[in-house]
Structures are given as C-alpha cells and as structure tokens.
C-alpha atoms as a PDB file:
ATOM      1  CA  MET A   1     130.995  92.801  64.627  1.00  0.00           C
ATOM      2  CA  ALA A   2     134.021  94.988  65.291  1.00  0.00           C
ATOM      3  CA  LEU A   3     137.570  94.701  66.252  1.00  0.00           C
ATOM      4  CA  VAL A   4     138.377  98.113  67.735  1.00  0.00           C
ATOM      5  CA  ALA A   5     141.655  99.630  67.980  1.00  0.00           C
ATOM      6  CA  GLU A   6     140.744 103.238  69.057  1.00  0.00           C
ATOM      7  CA  VAL A   7     141.863 104.231  72.408  1.00  0.00           C
ATOM      8  CA  PRO A   8     139.778 106.933  74.631  1.00  0.00           C
ATOM      9  CA  ALA A   9     141.272 109.519  76.385  1.00  0.00           C
ATOM     10  CA  ARG A  10     139.752 108.676  79.679  1.00  0.00           C
ATOM     11  CA  ALA A  11     137.994 105.387  80.890  1.00  0.00           C
ATOM     12  CA  LEU A  12     136.157 104.270  83.830  1.00  0.00           C
ATOM     13  CA  ALA A  13     135.430 100.600  84.603  1.00  0.00           C
ATOM     14  CA  VAL A  14     133.009  99.871  87.294  1.00  0.00           C
ATOM     15  CA  TYR A  15     132.633  96.592  88.799  1.00  0.00           C
ATOM     16  CA  ALA A  16     131.169  94.753  91.877  1.00  0.00           C
ATOM     17  CA  HIS A  17     134.139  92.988  93.501  1.00  0.00           C
ATOM     18  CA  PRO A  18     137.894  93.768  93.612  1.00  0.00           C
ATOM     19  CA  ASP A  19     138.935  91.104  91.148  1.00  0.00           C
ATOM     20  CA  ASP A  20     136.148  91.704  88.698  1.00  0.00           C
ATOM     21  CA  PRO A  21     137.773  94.430  86.388  1.00  0.00           C
ATOM     22  CA  GLU A  22     140.867  92.124  85.789  1.00  0.00           C
ATOM     23  CA  ILE A  23     138.613  89.094  84.970  1.00  0.00           C
ATOM     24  CA  SER A  24     136.353  91.250  82.821  1.00  0.00           C
ATOM     25  CA  CYS A  25     138.496  93.740  80.928  1.00  0.00           C
ATOM     26  CA  GLY A  26     142.011  93.659  82.441  1.00  0.00           C
ATOM     27  CA  GLY A  27     143.784  93.208  79.025  1.00  0.00           C
ATOM     28  CA  THR A  28     141.659  96.176  77.577  1.00  0.00           C
ATOM     29  CA  LEU A  29     142.366  98.397  80.599  1.00  0.00           C
ATOM     30  CA  ALA A  30     146.137  98.009  80.310  1.00  0.00           C
ATOM     31  CA  ARG A  31     146.231  98.226  76.498  1.00  0.00           C
ATOM     32  CA  TRP A  32     144.304 101.549  76.899  1.00  0.00           C
ATOM     33  CA  ALA A  33     146.678 102.685  79.846  1.00  0.00           C
ATOM     34  CA  ALA A  34     149.703 101.778  77.915  1.00  0.00           C
ATOM     35  CA  ALA A  35     148.428 103.953  75.079  1.00  0.00           C
ATOM     36  CA  GLY A  36     148.082 106.964  77.278  1.00  0.00           C
ATOM     37  CA  CYS A  37     144.376 106.696  78.411  1.00  0.00           C
ATOM     38  CA  HIS A  38     143.515 107.914  81.858  1.00  0.00           C
ATOM     39  CA  VAL A  39     141.993 104.666  83.323  1.00  0.00           C
ATOM     40  CA  ALA A  40     140.004 104.675  86.428  1.00  0.00           C
ATOM     41  CA  VAL A  41     138.462 101.722  88.248  1.00  0.00           C
ATOM     42  CA  CYS A  42     135.441 101.681  90.692  1.00  0.00           C
ATOM     43  CA  ILE A  43     134.681  98.806  92.775  1.00  0.00           C
ATOM     44  CA  THR A  44     130.996  98.911  94.409  1.00  0.00           C
ATOM     45  CA  THR A  45     131.134  96.300  97.157  1.00  0.00           C
ATOM     46  CA  ARG A  46     133.752  95.652  99.912  1.00  0.00           C
ATOM     47  CA  GLY A  47     134.157  92.037  98.876  1.00  0.00           C
ATOM     48  CA  ASP A  48     133.855  91.152 102.469  1.00  0.00           C
ATOM     49  CA  LYS A  49     131.913  87.919 101.635  1.00  0.00           C
ATOM     50  CA  GLY A  50     134.449  86.731  99.264  1.00  0.00           C
ATOM     51  CA  THR A  51     135.206  83.395 101.149  1.00  0.00           C
ATOM     52  CA  THR A  52     133.610  80.249 102.265  1.00  0.00           C
ATOM     53  CA  ASP A  53     135.710  80.143 105.458  1.00  0.00           C
ATOM     54  CA  PRO A  54     133.421  80.384 108.681  1.00  0.00           C
ATOM     55  CA  ALA A  55     136.240  81.473 110.754  1.00  0.00           C
ATOM     56  CA  ALA A  56     137.208  84.373 108.247  1.00  0.00           C
ATOM     57  CA  ASP A  57     137.006  88.053 109.533  1.00  0.00           C
ATOM     58  CA  PRO A  58     134.961  90.002 106.977  1.00  0.00           C
ATOM     59  CA  GLY A  59     136.575  93.382 107.755  1.00  0.00           C
ATOM     60  CA  ALA A  60     140.089  91.910 107.555  1.00  0.00           C
ATOM     61  CA  LEU A  61     139.274  90.230 104.265  1.00  0.00           C
ATOM     62  CA  ALA A  62     137.819  93.385 102.950  1.00  0.00           C
ATOM     63  CA  ALA A  63     141.020  95.306 103.681  1.00  0.00           C
ATOM     64  CA  ARG A  64     143.116  92.543 102.281  1.00  0.00           C
ATOM     65  CA  ARG A  65     141.006  92.661  98.901  1.00  0.00           C
ATOM     66  CA  ARG A  66     141.455  96.562  98.815  1.00  0.00           C
ATOM     67  CA  ALA A  67     145.055  96.110  98.921  1.00  0.00           C
ATOM     68  CA  GLU A  68     145.195  93.346  96.215  1.00  0.00           C
ATOM     69  CA  ALA A  69     142.901  95.777  94.004  1.00  0.00           C
ATOM     70  CA  ALA A  70     145.512  98.574  94.559  1.00  0.00           C
ATOM     71  CA  ALA A  71     148.239  96.146  93.499  1.00  0.00           C
ATOM     72  CA  ALA A  72     146.627  94.850  90.432  1.00  0.00           C
ATOM     73  CA  ALA A  73     145.711  98.596  89.408  1.00  0.00           C
ATOM     74  CA  GLU A  74     149.398  98.981  89.273  1.00  0.00           C
ATOM     75  CA  VAL A  75     150.250  96.192  87.310  1.00  0.00           C
ATOM     76  CA  LEU A  76     147.455  97.382  84.643  1.00  0.00           C
ATOM     77  CA  GLY A  77     148.688 100.861  84.738  1.00  0.00           C
ATOM     78  CA  VAL A  78     145.358 102.120  86.026  1.00  0.00           C
ATOM     79  CA  ALA A  79     145.592 105.749  87.433  1.00  0.00           C
ATOM     80  CA  GLU A  80     143.102 105.632  90.227  1.00  0.00           C
ATOM     81  CA  VAL A  81     140.841 103.002  92.291  1.00  0.00           C
ATOM     82  CA  HIS A  82     137.716 104.276  93.896  1.00  0.00           C
ATOM     83  CA  HIS A  83     135.654 102.069  96.471  1.00  0.00           C
ATOM     84  CA  LEU A  84     131.928 102.550  97.304  1.00  0.00           C
ATOM     85  CA  ASP A  85     132.348 100.121  99.928  1.00  0.00           C
ATOM     86  CA  HIS A  86     128.892  98.566 100.068  1.00  0.00           C
ATOM     87  CA  PRO A  87     128.334  95.297 101.718  1.00  0.00           C
ATOM     88  CA  ASP A  88     129.041  92.356  99.529  1.00  0.00           C
ATOM     89  CA  GLY A  89     125.854  90.796  98.608  1.00  0.00           C
ATOM     90  CA  ASP A  90     123.606  93.443  99.944  1.00  0.00           C
ATOM     91  CA  LEU A  91     124.079  96.050  96.864  1.00  0.00           C
ATOM     92  CA  GLU A  92     120.979  97.795  95.470  1.00  0.00           C
ATOM     93  CA  ASN A  93     120.348 100.004  92.638  1.00  0.00           C
ATOM     94  CA  SER A  94     119.267 102.620  94.765  1.00  0.00           C
ATOM     95  CA  ALA A  95     119.332 106.403  94.545  1.00  0.00           C
ATOM     96  CA  GLU A  96     122.436 106.263  97.097  1.00  0.00           C
ATOM     97  CA  VAL A  97     124.384 104.142  94.637  1.00  0.00           C
ATOM     98  CA  ARG A  98     123.375 105.895  91.514  1.00  0.00           C
ATOM     99  CA  GLY A  99     124.295 109.363  93.074  1.00  0.00           C
ATOM    100  CA  GLU A 100     127.664 108.121  94.081  1.00  0.00           C
ATOM    101  CA  LEU A 101     128.336 106.879  90.562  1.00  0.00           C
ATOM    102  CA  VAL A 102     126.738 110.002  88.826  1.00  0.00           C
ATOM    103  CA  ARG A 103     129.231 111.844  91.066  1.00  0.00           C
ATOM    104  CA  LEU A 104     132.324 109.914  89.997  1.00  0.00           C
ATOM    105  CA  VAL A 105     131.345 110.159  86.243  1.00  0.00           C
ATOM    106  CA  ARG A 106     130.849 113.741  86.456  1.00  0.00           C
ATOM    107  CA  HIS A 107     134.286 114.247  88.366  1.00  0.00           C
ATOM    108  CA  LEU A 108     136.126 112.013  86.267  1.00  0.00           C
ATOM    109  CA  ARG A 109     134.317 113.019  82.708  1.00  0.00           C
ATOM    110  CA  PRO A 110     135.291 109.500  80.951  1.00  0.00           C
ATOM    111  CA  GLU A 111     134.673 109.065  77.370  1.00  0.00           C
ATOM    112  CA  VAL A 112     134.000 105.217  77.909  1.00  0.00           C
ATOM    113  CA  VAL A 113     132.720 103.321  80.569  1.00  0.00           C
ATOM    114  CA  CYS A 114     133.029  99.508  81.144  1.00  0.00           C
ATOM    115  CA  CYS A 115     130.654  97.635  83.338  1.00  0.00           C
ATOM    116  CA  PRO A 116     128.817  94.202  83.668  1.00  0.00           C
ATOM    117  CA  ASP A 117     126.146  93.384  81.007  1.00  0.00           C
ATOM    118  CA  PRO A 118     123.190  93.174  83.382  1.00  0.00           C
ATOM    119  CA  THR A 119     121.029  91.404  81.253  1.00  0.00           C
ATOM    120  CA  ALA A 120     123.481  88.444  81.054  1.00  0.00           C
ATOM    121  CA  VAL A 121     121.966  85.938  83.490  1.00  0.00           C
ATOM    122  CA  PHE A 122     122.215  82.524  82.711  1.00  0.00           C
ATOM    123  CA  PHE A 123     125.427  80.829  81.327  1.00  0.00           C
ATOM    124  CA  GLY A 124     124.636  77.149  80.242  1.00  0.00           C
ATOM    125  CA  GLY A 125     123.201  74.851  82.904  1.00  0.00           C
ATOM    126  CA  THR A 126     125.878  75.246  85.713  1.00  0.00           C
ATOM    127  CA  TYR A 127     126.051  79.061  86.438  1.00  0.00           C
ATOM    128  CA  PHE A 128     124.178  82.071  86.767  1.00  0.00           C
ATOM    129  CA  ASN A 129     125.552  85.699  87.077  1.00  0.00           C
ATOM    130  CA  HIS A 130     126.157  87.037  90.490  1.00  0.00           C
ATOM    131  CA  ARG A 131     123.538  89.525  91.915  1.00  0.00           C
ATOM    132  CA  ASP A 132     126.097  91.907  92.696  1.00  0.00           C
ATOM    133  CA  HIS A 133     127.375  91.955  88.957  1.00  0.00           C
ATOM    134  CA  ARG A 134     123.824  92.559  87.859  1.00  0.00           C
ATOM    135  CA  VAL A 135     123.051  95.104  90.135  1.00  0.00           C
ATOM    136  CA  THR A 136     126.389  97.089  89.469  1.00  0.00           C
ATOM    137  CA  GLY A 137     125.511  96.798  85.807  1.00  0.00           C
ATOM    138  CA  TRP A 138     122.041  98.181  85.944  1.00  0.00           C
ATOM    139  CA  ALA A 139     123.188 100.961  88.555  1.00  0.00           C
ATOM    140  CA  THR A 140     126.022 102.081  86.220  1.00  0.00           C
ATOM    141  CA  LEU A 141     123.849 102.332  83.397  1.00  0.00           C
ATOM    142  CA  ASP A 142     121.112 104.416  84.963  1.00  0.00           C
ATOM    143  CA  ALA A 143     124.012 106.601  86.274  1.00  0.00           C
ATOM    144  CA  VAL A 144     125.567 107.011  82.778  1.00  0.00           C
ATOM    145  CA  ALA A 145     122.148 107.762  80.960  1.00  0.00           C
ATOM    146  CA  PRO A 146     120.234 110.031  81.468  1.00  0.00           C
ATOM    147  CA  ALA A 147     121.612 110.983  85.019  1.00  0.00           C
ATOM    148  CA  ALA A 148     125.014 112.064  84.387  1.00  0.00           C
ATOM    149  CA  ALA A 149     124.210 114.275  81.448  1.00  0.00           C
ATOM    150  CA  ASN A 150     121.003 115.758  83.028  1.00  0.00           C
ATOM    151  CA  PRO A 151     121.186 118.656  85.338  1.00  0.00           C
ATOM    152  CA  HIS A 152     118.173 117.895  87.095  1.00  0.00           C
ATOM    153  CA  TYR A 153     119.546 114.765  88.571  1.00  0.00           C
ATOM    154  CA  PHE A 154     121.358 115.168  91.608  1.00  0.00           C
ATOM    155  CA  PRO A 155     121.659 118.805  91.231  1.00  0.00           C
ATOM    156  CA  GLU A 156     123.463 119.036  94.415  1.00  0.00           C
ATOM    157  CA  HIS A 157     126.621 118.193  92.493  1.00  0.00           C
ATOM    158  CA  ARG A 158     126.672 121.491  91.043  1.00  0.00           C
ATOM    159  CA  ALA A 159     127.402 123.051  94.485  1.00  0.00           C
ATOM    160  CA  GLU A 160     130.241 120.694  94.590  1.00  0.00           C
ATOM    161  CA  GLY A 161     131.853 122.163  91.044  1.00  0.00           C
ATOM    162  CA  LEU A 162     130.685 119.080  89.258  1.00  0.00           C
ATOM    163  CA  ASP A 163     129.138 119.846  85.728  1.00  0.00           C
ATOM    164  CA  VAL A 164     126.983 117.380  83.883  1.00  0.00           C
ATOM    165  CA  HIS A 165     128.821 114.980  81.542  1.00  0.00           C
ATOM    166  CA  GLN A 166     127.923 112.753  78.613  1.00  0.00           C
ATOM    167  CA  VAL A 167     129.586 109.433  78.475  1.00  0.00           C
ATOM    168  CA  ARG A 168     130.211 108.654  74.667  1.00  0.00           C
ATOM    169  CA  GLN A 169     130.219 104.685  74.853  1.00  0.00           C
ATOM    170  CA  VAL A 170     129.527 101.839  77.214  1.00  0.00           C
ATOM    171  CA  TYR A 171     131.376  98.611  76.894  1.00  0.00           C
ATOM    172  CA  LEU A 172     129.261  95.663  78.603  1.00  0.00           C
ATOM    173  CA  SER A 173     131.657  92.791  79.533  1.00  0.00           C
ATOM    174  CA  GLY A 174     130.550  89.428  80.421  1.00  0.00           C
ATOM    175  CA  THR A 175     127.829  89.703  77.741  1.00  0.00           C
ATOM    176  CA  LEU A 176     125.833  87.011  75.766  1.00  0.00           C
ATOM    177  CA  GLU A 177     125.668  89.314  72.752  1.00  0.00           C
ATOM    178  CA  PRO A 178     129.302  90.461  72.025  1.00  0.00           C
ATOM    179  CA  ASP A 179     129.656  92.553  68.812  1.00  0.00           C
ATOM    180  CA  THR A 180     132.841  94.403  69.766  1.00  0.00           C
ATOM    181  CA  TRP A 181     136.460  92.910  70.411  1.00  0.00           C
ATOM    182  CA  ILE A 182     139.582  94.572  71.837  1.00  0.00           C
ATOM    183  CA  ASP A 183     142.865  92.812  70.850  1.00  0.00           C
ATOM    184  CA  ILE A 184     144.837  92.139  74.050  1.00  0.00           C
ATOM    185  CA  GLY A 185     147.724  90.265  72.484  1.00  0.00           C
ATOM    186  CA  ALA A 186     150.312  92.628  73.848  1.00  0.00           C
ATOM    187  CA  THR A 187     148.644  92.833  77.283  1.00  0.00           C
ATOM    188  CA  ILE A 188     147.324  89.407  78.118  1.00  0.00           C
ATOM    189  CA  GLU A 189     150.321  88.568  80.336  1.00  0.00           C
ATOM    190  CA  ARG A 190     149.735  91.799  82.242  1.00  0.00           C
ATOM    191  CA  LYS A 191     146.024  90.732  82.834  1.00  0.00           C
ATOM    192  CA  ILE A 192     146.939  87.348  84.251  1.00  0.00           C
ATOM    193  CA  ASP A 193     149.655  88.958  86.398  1.00  0.00           C
ATOM    194  CA  ALA A 194     147.057  91.522  87.722  1.00  0.00           C
ATOM    195  CA  LEU A 195     144.634  88.458  88.352  1.00  0.00           C
ATOM    196  CA  PHE A 196     147.475  86.816  90.421  1.00  0.00           C
ATOM    197  CA  CYS A 197     147.409  89.900  92.701  1.00  0.00           C
ATOM    198  CA  HIS A 198     144.090  88.706  94.179  1.00  0.00           C
ATOM    199  CA  ALA A 199     145.784  86.018  96.262  1.00  0.00           C
ATOM    200  CA  SER A 200     142.765  85.822  98.494  1.00  0.00           C
ATOM    201  CA  GLN A 201     140.511  84.590  95.737  1.00  0.00           C
ATOM    202  CA  LEU A 202     142.987  82.368  94.418  1.00  0.00           C
ATOM    203  CA  THR A 203     142.809  78.273  94.845  1.00  0.00           C
ATOM    204  CA  GLU A 204     145.163  77.518  91.719  1.00  0.00           C
ATOM    205  CA  THR A 205     148.219  79.477  91.381  1.00  0.00           C
ATOM    206  CA  GLY A 206     150.179  77.220  88.867  1.00  0.00           C
ATOM    207  CA  GLU A 207     150.779  77.343  85.261  1.00  0.00           C
ATOM    208  CA  TRP A 208     147.419  75.440  84.689  1.00  0.00           C
ATOM    209  CA  PHE A 209     145.455  78.594  85.706  1.00  0.00           C
ATOM    210  CA  ARG A 210     147.485  80.824  83.483  1.00  0.00           C
ATOM    211  CA  SER A 211     147.058  78.436  80.610  1.00  0.00           C
ATOM    212  CA  PHE A 212     143.154  78.368  81.370  1.00  0.00           C
ATOM    213  CA  LEU A 213     143.124  82.349  81.425  1.00  0.00           C
ATOM    214  CA  ARG A 214     145.142  82.286  78.006  1.00  0.00           C
ATOM    215  CA  ALA A 215     142.614  80.083  76.398  1.00  0.00           C
ATOM    216  CA  SER A 216     139.717  81.824  77.504  1.00  0.00           C
ATOM    217  CA  ALA A 217     141.087  85.114  75.649  1.00  0.00           C
ATOM    218  CA  GLU A 218     141.898  82.636  72.647  1.00  0.00           C
ATOM    219  CA  ASP A 219     138.208  81.776  72.513  1.00  0.00           C
ATOM    220  CA  ALA A 220     137.422  85.475  72.291  1.00  0.00           C
ATOM    221  CA  GLY A 221     140.191  85.952  69.798  1.00  0.00           C
ATOM    222  CA  ARG A 222     138.946  83.497  67.325  1.00  0.00           C
ATOM    223  CA  ALA A 223     135.734  85.443  66.802  1.00  0.00           C
ATOM    224  CA  ALA A 224     137.771  88.655  66.031  1.00  0.00           C
ATOM    225  CA  GLY A 225     140.437  86.997  64.024  1.00  0.00           C
ATOM    226  CA  VAL A 226     143.414  87.600  66.581  1.00  0.00           C
ATOM    227  CA  ARG A 227     145.018  85.541  69.015  1.00  0.00           C
ATOM    228  CA  PHE A 228     143.795  87.009  72.143  1.00  0.00           C
ATOM    229  CA  ALA A 229     140.797  89.401  72.893  1.00  0.00           C
ATOM    230  CA  GLU A 230     138.297  90.585  75.209  1.00  0.00           C
ATOM    231  CA  ALA A 231     134.488  90.716  73.973  1.00  0.00           C
ATOM    232  CA  PHE A 232     131.930  93.425  74.600  1.00  0.00           C
ATOM    233  CA  ARG A 233     128.611  94.441  73.827  1.00  0.00           C
ATOM    234  CA  ARG A 234     129.159  98.457  72.839  1.00  0.00           C
ATOM    235  CA  LEU A 235     126.672 101.070  73.335  1.00  0.00           C
ATOM    236  CA  ASP A 236     127.167 104.185  71.438  1.00  0.00           C
ATOM    237  CA  LEU A 237     125.569 107.142  73.240  1.00  0.00           C
ATOM    238  CA  GLY A 238     126.769 110.086  71.366  1.00  0.00           C
ATOM    239  CA  GLY A 239     128.498 113.054  72.967  1.00  0.00           C
END
C-alpha cells in the first residue's frame, strides 16, 4: 500500500461519460494540475443516454454534457478535453476505438494514464459496473500496452508525425483492489465543484450531496492515513 505524492509531468484520464473523470479521480487531476502537470481528459462516449426522460432529445443532451465537461475541466485545471463521440451504451473495444486512443496517447505522450478498472464488476448486492466503464477500461489498457509503444500497431500514425510512446504508469480507479492512494485534502472542494458543473446528471444539489462526497473521500483517506483521498490500483509499466 502506498500514499503517492509524486506528480507526473503529463497525465491523461480516459473515461466513458462526461462526469466520470470528476467522480473517479477529480481530486487527483486537480492536485496534479495545480502542481504543474499537463492534464488531459478523454471522454469515449457522447453521454447521450444519460437520462431516463423519454421526451429528452439525445443530441441536445450530448451537447449540454459536452459543455458541462468543459466547465468541469476549467474548475479542475485540466488543459484539454477530447471527445471520441461514440454512442452511449454501444461502445466496443474495437480496432477503431483502440486506434483513436493510441493516437491520443502518441500525441499527448503522458507519463501516467488514469482509467476505470475493467475487472471491477460487482459492488455489493445492489450495483454492477456500467458496461461503458468496463469497455473503456479494457480499450484503454489495450491501447496503452502494447499498442502505443509498438510501431507495428497502427503504423499509419507515423505518417501523421506520431512516434511510439511508452506510458510509465496506469492508475485504475473504481477498483476493488486498491493499493495506491492520492491525498486530495487540498482539492476535495474543487472536485466537488467540478461535479456540480454536471447539472444534467444531478438530482441532489444541496449540502447533503457535498457531505456525501466528502464522506466518500474520507473513507478512502482512512486507508491511507489522511483526511481525504482517492484510491487506485497502480500498474507500473516502466518506460
């Protein structure tokens, strides 16, 4: 188990839906950005099915959620947000998606990539992990290693001026096997403020929800001996 204070020079967070980075690792991204890290976010789906209202317009919802993601990124200090724009709920770990992610990794050249832990499926007896989260996790891992670092994967990228790149570490969030914690005591409120940018997804906007989010970070913090933390499973890939 490790409480990690190291800040990467460049980081990429890959998640399925526009509010997922904030929920999963918003405090960590804000901490890294404040320390000078170039933080980029990639959202794999449009988030166009993020409502149970049958009268909602999916295109309008997707546009609203893109704007919410931009506002949240500004709160966190994220330098750039990329959208792959695949239909919500229909994402596949396909060659197309892997190629898009490999291109992004080769372009951004992050030391660290954050993404969902795709092996985390069942959380107690009342929740199992969203399919888009699992697919995004597997596709990101497949893109990071071996594809992004191997010139024989997507060789057409070289014509775009993109060389291979070896990611040094992957931080898996939403994991059932945490072994790494990041202290977010200085950025917990920024994480919460960023989450509140996603108004289309919120049914509770009062102090109760803020207290709930702080309590969740406190649960992770107890395992690390700090007040507030985010937990990850860390993969060290070298490079």
